[in-house]
């Protein structure tokens, strides 16, 4: 049992200890019980303790101890004892939390989420192979490439002045092409990445501009942590989104960058890579949980959206 078990599982793998048969991750169970609800103290162990009315170490004390440990040794015998005492307090706090949350735990599914923490640790340890040589060439030539990209992509839009995106020019483009656009409370165009992503799905002609803006938003091209073995590794932040998805840092994860940079994901000679994703996963989950026979049949058709349109009589 642990809180954020992928960290412990990563330690098990590094030390080559046998992986436990069963893992109960109270972080996953806390997220499952509180997703979508306001959490004033966050999703860490202290936040979970406070949410369930358990005594907790003061935040500033925990932060100070964490910083002390991360600064690295060597430590005196007295400091070593202090660190072990701190770790023991976390273990005791996790046991206290278990008592408080056990009524919210659906054990079979909780153990499935625990198994996933093992898989996440494995993914974080393996990392993603990167063509480092090409990445370094891109980084060295990025200032000139950036201007070339703007010139090439902006031909279709005319919204850049030099390397600066001009909102009024973009507003004029939207007016010419009759594209409605969300605005902020202050009356300006909403230009955040989520808005651009949604609009590009509705109006595919905006997709190259969205990718350009996403590329240019990075201070340094492909500034991901890459190990000596050429692999990009970062915390995958399991169960962090409201829907329970992983939510790794977009600046530290190759898949968080512009889509065209994924060409840098390259296996070493003699190996291959498979990119595997679920098809209509949310629809399938909803069908299973609702036990709706029509919805299940729609999912099994292979294209639930088209099948639903047929059921609704909106297409032949």
Protein backbone atom coordinates (compact mmCIF):
# COMPACT_ATOMS: atom_id res chain seq x y z
CA UNK A 1 0.00 0.00 0.00
CA UNK A 2 1.29 3.43 -0.88
CA UNK A 3 0.35 6.97 -1.82
CA UNK A 4 1.30 7.57 -5.46
CA UNK A 5 2.52 4.02 -5.89
CA UNK A 6 4.28 4.54 -9.24
CA UNK A 7 7.11 6.21 -7.28
CA UNK A 8 7.52 3.15 -5.05
CA UNK A 9 7.24 0.83 -8.03
CA UNK A 10 9.96 2.80 -9.82
CA UNK A 11 12.16 2.30 -6.77
CA UNK A 12 11.38 -1.43 -6.76
CA UNK A 13 12.43 -1.63 -10.42
CA UNK A 14 15.64 0.35 -9.87
CA UNK A 15 16.62 -1.89 -6.95
CA UNK A 16 15.49 -5.02 -8.85
CA UNK A 17 13.16 -6.07 -6.09
CA UNK A 18 10.28 -8.39 -7.03
CA UNK A 19 7.11 -6.42 -7.81
CA UNK A 20 4.28 -7.02 -5.28
CA UNK A 21 1.38 -9.21 -6.39
CA UNK A 22 -1.13 -6.61 -5.22
CA UNK A 23 -0.79 -2.84 -4.99
CA UNK A 24 -3.28 -0.49 -3.34
CA UNK A 25 -2.58 3.13 -4.26
CA UNK A 26 -4.46 5.54 -2.00
CA UNK A 27 -3.66 8.41 -4.37
CA UNK A 28 -5.66 6.70 -7.11
CA UNK A 29 -8.49 6.01 -4.68
CA UNK A 30 -8.46 9.62 -3.46
CA UNK A 31 -8.62 10.87 -7.05
CA UNK A 32 -11.44 8.43 -7.80
CA UNK A 33 -13.44 9.66 -4.80
CA UNK A 34 -12.88 13.39 -5.35
CA UNK A 35 -12.36 14.01 -9.09
CA UNK A 36 -14.19 17.13 -10.19
CA UNK A 37 -14.61 18.45 -6.66
CA UNK A 38 -12.76 21.49 -5.26
CA UNK A 39 -9.64 20.46 -3.31
CA UNK A 40 -8.25 23.51 -1.47
CA UNK A 41 -5.24 21.57 -0.16
CA UNK A 42 -4.33 19.81 -3.40
CA UNK A 43 -4.05 16.13 -4.31
CA UNK A 44 -0.90 15.24 -2.37
CA UNK A 45 -0.86 13.12 0.78
CA UNK A 46 -1.42 16.19 2.98
CA UNK A 47 -4.35 17.27 0.84
CA UNK A 48 -5.94 13.82 1.11
CA UNK A 49 -5.46 13.77 4.89
CA UNK A 50 -7.04 17.21 5.30
CA UNK A 51 -9.95 16.31 2.97
CA UNK A 52 -10.82 13.29 5.11
CA UNK A 53 -10.29 15.10 8.42
CA UNK A 54 -7.07 13.35 9.41
CA UNK A 55 -4.18 14.99 11.28
CA UNK A 56 -1.38 16.07 8.94
CA UNK A 57 2.14 17.45 9.09
CA UNK A 58 2.25 21.23 8.40
CA UNK A 59 2.87 21.96 4.73
CA UNK A 60 5.88 24.21 5.33
CA UNK A 61 7.54 21.52 7.48
CA UNK A 62 6.99 18.87 4.78
CA UNK A 63 8.28 21.19 2.04
CA UNK A 64 11.39 22.00 4.10
CA UNK A 65 12.16 18.31 4.70
CA UNK A 66 11.63 17.44 1.04
CA UNK A 67 13.97 20.23 -0.05
CA UNK A 68 16.54 19.10 2.53
CA UNK A 69 16.48 15.54 1.20
CA UNK A 70 16.58 16.54 -2.48
CA UNK A 71 19.61 18.73 -1.83
CA UNK A 72 21.57 15.48 -1.38
CA UNK A 73 24.06 14.20 1.18
CA UNK A 74 26.34 13.34 2.70
CA UNK A 75 24.31 13.50 5.91
CA UNK A 76 25.42 13.16 9.49
CA UNK A 77 24.03 10.26 11.58
CA UNK A 78 21.66 12.73 13.25
CA UNK A 79 20.41 13.97 9.86
CA UNK A 80 19.94 10.39 8.66
CA UNK A 81 17.79 9.69 11.70
CA UNK A 82 15.79 12.85 11.00
CA UNK A 83 15.15 11.72 7.40
CA UNK A 84 14.06 8.25 8.49
CA UNK A 85 11.71 9.78 11.07
CA UNK A 86 10.20 11.95 8.34
CA UNK A 87 9.68 8.93 6.07
CA UNK A 88 8.12 6.99 8.95
CA UNK A 89 5.66 9.83 9.53
CA UNK A 90 4.55 9.52 5.90
CA UNK A 91 4.03 5.78 6.32
CA UNK A 92 1.99 6.31 9.49
CA UNK A 93 -0.03 9.05 7.78
CA UNK A 94 -0.79 6.69 4.87
CA UNK A 95 -2.08 4.08 7.32
CA UNK A 96 -4.27 6.74 8.94
CA UNK A 97 -5.61 7.71 5.53
CA UNK A 98 -6.46 4.08 4.72
CA UNK A 99 -8.70 3.91 7.79
CA UNK A 100 -10.47 7.09 6.67
CA UNK A 101 -11.02 6.16 3.01
CA UNK A 102 -11.58 2.40 3.17
CA UNK A 103 -15.37 2.75 2.87
CA UNK A 104 -14.83 4.47 -0.50
CA UNK A 105 -12.63 1.69 -1.89
CA UNK A 106 -14.02 -0.78 -4.43
CA UNK A 107 -11.25 -3.33 -3.92
CA UNK A 108 -11.31 -5.23 -7.25
CA UNK A 109 -11.11 -1.98 -9.23
CA UNK A 110 -8.70 -0.46 -6.73
CA UNK A 111 -6.30 -3.36 -7.29
CA UNK A 112 -6.68 -2.84 -11.05
CA UNK A 113 -5.65 0.80 -10.58
CA UNK A 114 -2.76 -0.46 -8.44
CA UNK A 115 -1.64 -2.70 -11.30
CA UNK A 116 -1.70 0.37 -13.51
CA UNK A 117 0.73 2.15 -11.17
CA UNK A 118 3.20 -0.67 -11.88
CA UNK A 119 2.73 -0.15 -15.62
CA UNK A 120 3.22 3.62 -15.25
CA UNK A 121 6.50 3.08 -13.37
CA UNK A 122 7.61 0.79 -16.19
CA UNK A 123 6.70 3.39 -18.83
CA UNK A 124 8.52 6.13 -16.94
CA UNK A 125 11.59 3.91 -16.61
CA UNK A 126 11.69 2.89 -20.29
CA UNK A 127 11.09 6.35 -21.71
CA UNK A 128 10.64 7.20 -25.38
CA UNK A 129 13.58 6.87 -27.84
CA UNK A 130 14.49 10.15 -29.52
CA UNK A 131 16.59 10.90 -32.62
CA UNK A 132 18.95 13.11 -30.61
CA UNK A 133 21.22 13.99 -33.56
CA UNK A 134 18.35 15.44 -35.62
CA UNK A 135 16.94 17.18 -32.53
CA UNK A 136 20.29 18.90 -31.93
CA UNK A 137 20.38 20.06 -35.56
CA UNK A 138 16.88 21.49 -35.21
CA UNK A 139 17.81 23.27 -31.99
CA UNK A 140 20.96 24.80 -33.51
CA UNK A 141 19.08 26.10 -36.55
CA UNK A 142 15.86 26.98 -34.76
CA UNK A 143 15.98 30.82 -35.10
CA UNK A 144 16.15 30.63 -38.90
CA UNK A 145 13.77 27.67 -39.12
CA UNK A 146 11.23 29.52 -37.00
CA UNK A 147 11.07 32.42 -39.47
CA UNK A 148 10.87 30.00 -42.41
CA UNK A 149 7.98 28.16 -40.74
CA UNK A 150 6.11 31.42 -40.14
CA UNK A 151 6.61 32.53 -43.76
CA UNK A 152 5.44 29.20 -45.15
CA UNK A 153 2.41 28.64 -42.91
CA UNK A 154 1.30 32.27 -42.65
CA UNK A 155 0.86 32.57 -46.43
CA UNK A 156 -2.64 31.17 -45.97
CA UNK A 157 -3.54 33.44 -43.04
CA UNK A 158 -1.59 36.72 -43.04
CA UNK A 159 -1.75 37.04 -39.25
CA UNK A 160 1.96 37.42 -38.43
CA UNK A 161 4.12 40.51 -38.49
CA UNK A 162 7.71 39.27 -38.41
CA UNK A 163 7.56 36.62 -35.71
CA UNK A 164 4.68 38.28 -33.82
CA UNK A 165 1.09 37.02 -33.96
CA UNK A 166 -1.29 39.97 -34.46
CA UNK A 167 -4.74 39.56 -32.95
CA UNK A 168 -6.38 42.17 -35.20
CA UNK A 169 -5.09 40.45 -38.31
CA UNK A 170 -6.45 37.16 -37.01
CA UNK A 171 -9.78 38.80 -36.24
CA UNK A 172 -9.90 40.05 -39.85
CA UNK A 173 -9.12 36.54 -41.13
CA UNK A 174 -11.96 35.05 -39.05
CA UNK A 175 -14.36 37.69 -40.38
CA UNK A 176 -13.39 37.02 -44.00
CA UNK A 177 -13.90 33.29 -43.58
CA UNK A 178 -17.01 33.61 -41.39
CA UNK A 179 -15.52 31.62 -38.53
CA UNK A 180 -17.08 32.34 -35.11
CA UNK A 181 -14.55 32.50 -32.27
CA UNK A 182 -14.85 32.49 -28.44
CA UNK A 183 -13.92 35.71 -26.69
CA UNK A 184 -12.67 36.44 -23.16
CA UNK A 185 -14.44 38.49 -20.50
CA UNK A 186 -12.48 41.51 -21.73
CA UNK A 187 -13.73 41.12 -25.30
CA UNK A 188 -10.48 39.84 -26.77
CA UNK A 189 -10.15 36.65 -28.80
CA UNK A 190 -9.47 33.56 -26.68
CA UNK A 191 -6.09 32.41 -27.95
CA UNK A 192 -5.24 29.65 -25.46
CA UNK A 193 -4.17 26.28 -26.82
CA UNK A 194 -7.37 24.45 -25.79
CA UNK A 195 -9.54 26.95 -27.68
CA UNK A 196 -7.32 26.73 -30.76
CA UNK A 197 -7.40 22.94 -30.62
CA UNK A 198 -11.21 22.83 -30.45
CA UNK A 199 -11.61 25.38 -33.23
CA UNK A 200 -9.13 23.53 -35.46
CA UNK A 201 -11.29 20.41 -35.09
CA UNK A 202 -14.35 22.38 -36.20
CA UNK A 203 -12.48 24.28 -38.94
CA UNK A 204 -9.64 22.06 -40.25
CA UNK A 205 -8.12 24.93 -42.26
CA UNK A 206 -6.91 26.30 -38.91
CA UNK A 207 -4.92 23.18 -38.05
CA UNK A 208 -1.57 24.34 -39.58
CA UNK A 209 -1.88 27.66 -37.73
CA UNK A 210 -2.62 25.86 -34.47
CA UNK A 211 0.45 23.65 -34.91
CA UNK A 212 2.59 26.69 -35.75
CA UNK A 213 1.47 28.55 -32.62
CA UNK A 214 2.04 25.43 -30.51
CA UNK A 215 5.56 25.08 -31.91
CA UNK A 216 6.44 28.74 -31.39
CA UNK A 217 5.08 28.76 -27.83
CA UNK A 218 8.05 26.69 -26.66
CA UNK A 219 10.95 28.83 -25.52
CA UNK A 220 13.42 26.25 -26.84
CA UNK A 221 12.57 23.63 -29.43
CA UNK A 222 12.34 20.11 -28.03
CA UNK A 223 13.56 21.11 -24.57
CA UNK A 224 12.70 17.73 -23.04
CA UNK A 225 14.75 15.82 -20.44
CA UNK A 226 16.68 13.18 -22.41
CA UNK A 227 18.96 10.61 -20.80
CA UNK A 228 22.37 9.42 -21.97
CA UNK A 229 20.60 6.58 -23.76
CA UNK A 230 18.64 9.06 -25.90
CA UNK A 231 15.29 8.49 -24.20
CA UNK A 232 12.82 11.15 -23.08
CA UNK A 233 11.60 10.48 -19.55
CA UNK A 234 9.30 12.46 -17.30
CA UNK A 235 6.66 12.01 -14.63
CA UNK A 236 3.51 10.79 -16.38
CA UNK A 237 1.25 12.17 -13.60
CA UNK A 238 -1.21 9.28 -13.59
CA UNK A 239 -4.90 9.90 -12.83
CA UNK A 240 -4.28 13.66 -12.75
CA UNK A 241 -6.98 14.85 -15.14
CA UNK A 242 -10.66 15.09 -14.21
CA UNK A 243 -11.34 12.06 -16.42
CA UNK A 244 -8.60 10.03 -14.72
CA UNK A 245 -6.09 10.30 -17.57
CA UNK A 246 -2.36 10.79 -17.27
CA UNK A 247 -1.39 14.46 -17.47
CA UNK A 248 2.37 14.80 -17.97
CA UNK A 249 4.02 18.19 -18.34
CA UNK A 250 3.58 19.44 -21.90
CA UNK A 251 7.04 21.04 -21.80
CA UNK A 252 8.83 17.87 -20.61
CA UNK A 253 7.05 15.23 -22.70
CA UNK A 254 7.58 14.74 -26.44
CA UNK A 255 3.85 14.11 -26.95
CA UNK A 256 3.06 17.49 -25.37
CA UNK A 257 4.82 19.36 -28.17
CA UNK A 258 3.60 20.15 -31.68
CA UNK A 259 2.57 17.00 -33.55
CA UNK A 260 5.23 17.38 -36.25
CA UNK A 261 8.00 16.95 -33.66
CA UNK A 262 6.88 13.35 -33.12
CA UNK A 263 8.95 12.47 -36.18
CA UNK A 264 11.87 12.64 -33.73
CA UNK A 265 10.55 9.52 -31.95
CA UNK A 266 12.84 6.90 -33.47
CA UNK A 267 13.68 3.32 -32.44
CA UNK A 268 17.28 2.24 -32.45
CA UNK A 269 18.44 0.03 -35.35
CA UNK A 270 16.89 -3.42 -35.27
CA UNK A 271 13.84 -2.28 -33.28
CA UNK A 272 10.38 -0.97 -34.15
CA UNK A 273 7.76 1.15 -32.44
CA UNK A 274 3.99 0.66 -32.37
CA UNK A 275 1.66 3.59 -31.62
CA UNK A 276 -1.45 2.01 -30.09
CA UNK A 277 -4.53 3.84 -28.86
CA UNK A 278 -8.07 2.96 -27.85
CA UNK A 279 -10.84 3.57 -30.37
CA UNK A 280 -13.84 5.50 -28.93
CA UNK A 281 -12.80 4.51 -25.39
CA UNK A 282 -15.10 6.90 -23.53
CA UNK A 283 -18.10 5.78 -25.59
CA UNK A 284 -17.30 2.13 -24.83
CA UNK A 285 -16.95 2.80 -21.10
CA UNK A 286 -20.28 4.65 -21.03
CA UNK A 287 -21.95 1.77 -22.87
CA UNK A 288 -20.59 -0.79 -20.42
CA UNK A 289 -21.43 1.19 -17.28
CA UNK A 290 -24.94 2.08 -18.45
CA UNK A 291 -25.66 -1.45 -19.75
CA UNK A 292 -27.47 0.24 -22.63
CA UNK A 293 -27.90 -2.48 -25.29
CA UNK A 294 -28.35 0.01 -28.12
CA UNK A 295 -25.22 1.87 -27.08
CA UNK A 296 -23.27 -1.40 -26.86
CA UNK A 297 -24.41 -2.37 -30.36
CA UNK A 298 -23.44 1.09 -31.59
CA UNK A 299 -19.96 0.72 -30.09
CA UNK A 300 -19.45 -2.73 -31.62
CA UNK A 301 -20.36 -1.37 -35.06
CA UNK A 302 -16.86 0.12 -35.27
CA UNK A 303 -18.06 3.69 -35.82
CA UNK A 304 -20.39 4.71 -32.98
CA UNK A 305 -20.97 8.22 -34.31
CA UNK A 306 -22.17 7.03 -37.70
CA UNK A 307 -24.21 4.25 -36.10
CA UNK A 308 -25.84 6.75 -33.74
CA UNK A 309 -26.71 9.01 -36.67
CA UNK A 310 -28.39 6.03 -38.36
CA UNK A 311 -30.31 5.20 -35.17
CA UNK A 312 -31.46 8.81 -34.97
CA UNK A 313 -32.61 8.70 -38.59
CA UNK A 314 -30.33 11.57 -39.61
CA UNK A 315 -28.39 9.61 -42.27
CA UNK A 316 -29.41 6.71 -44.56
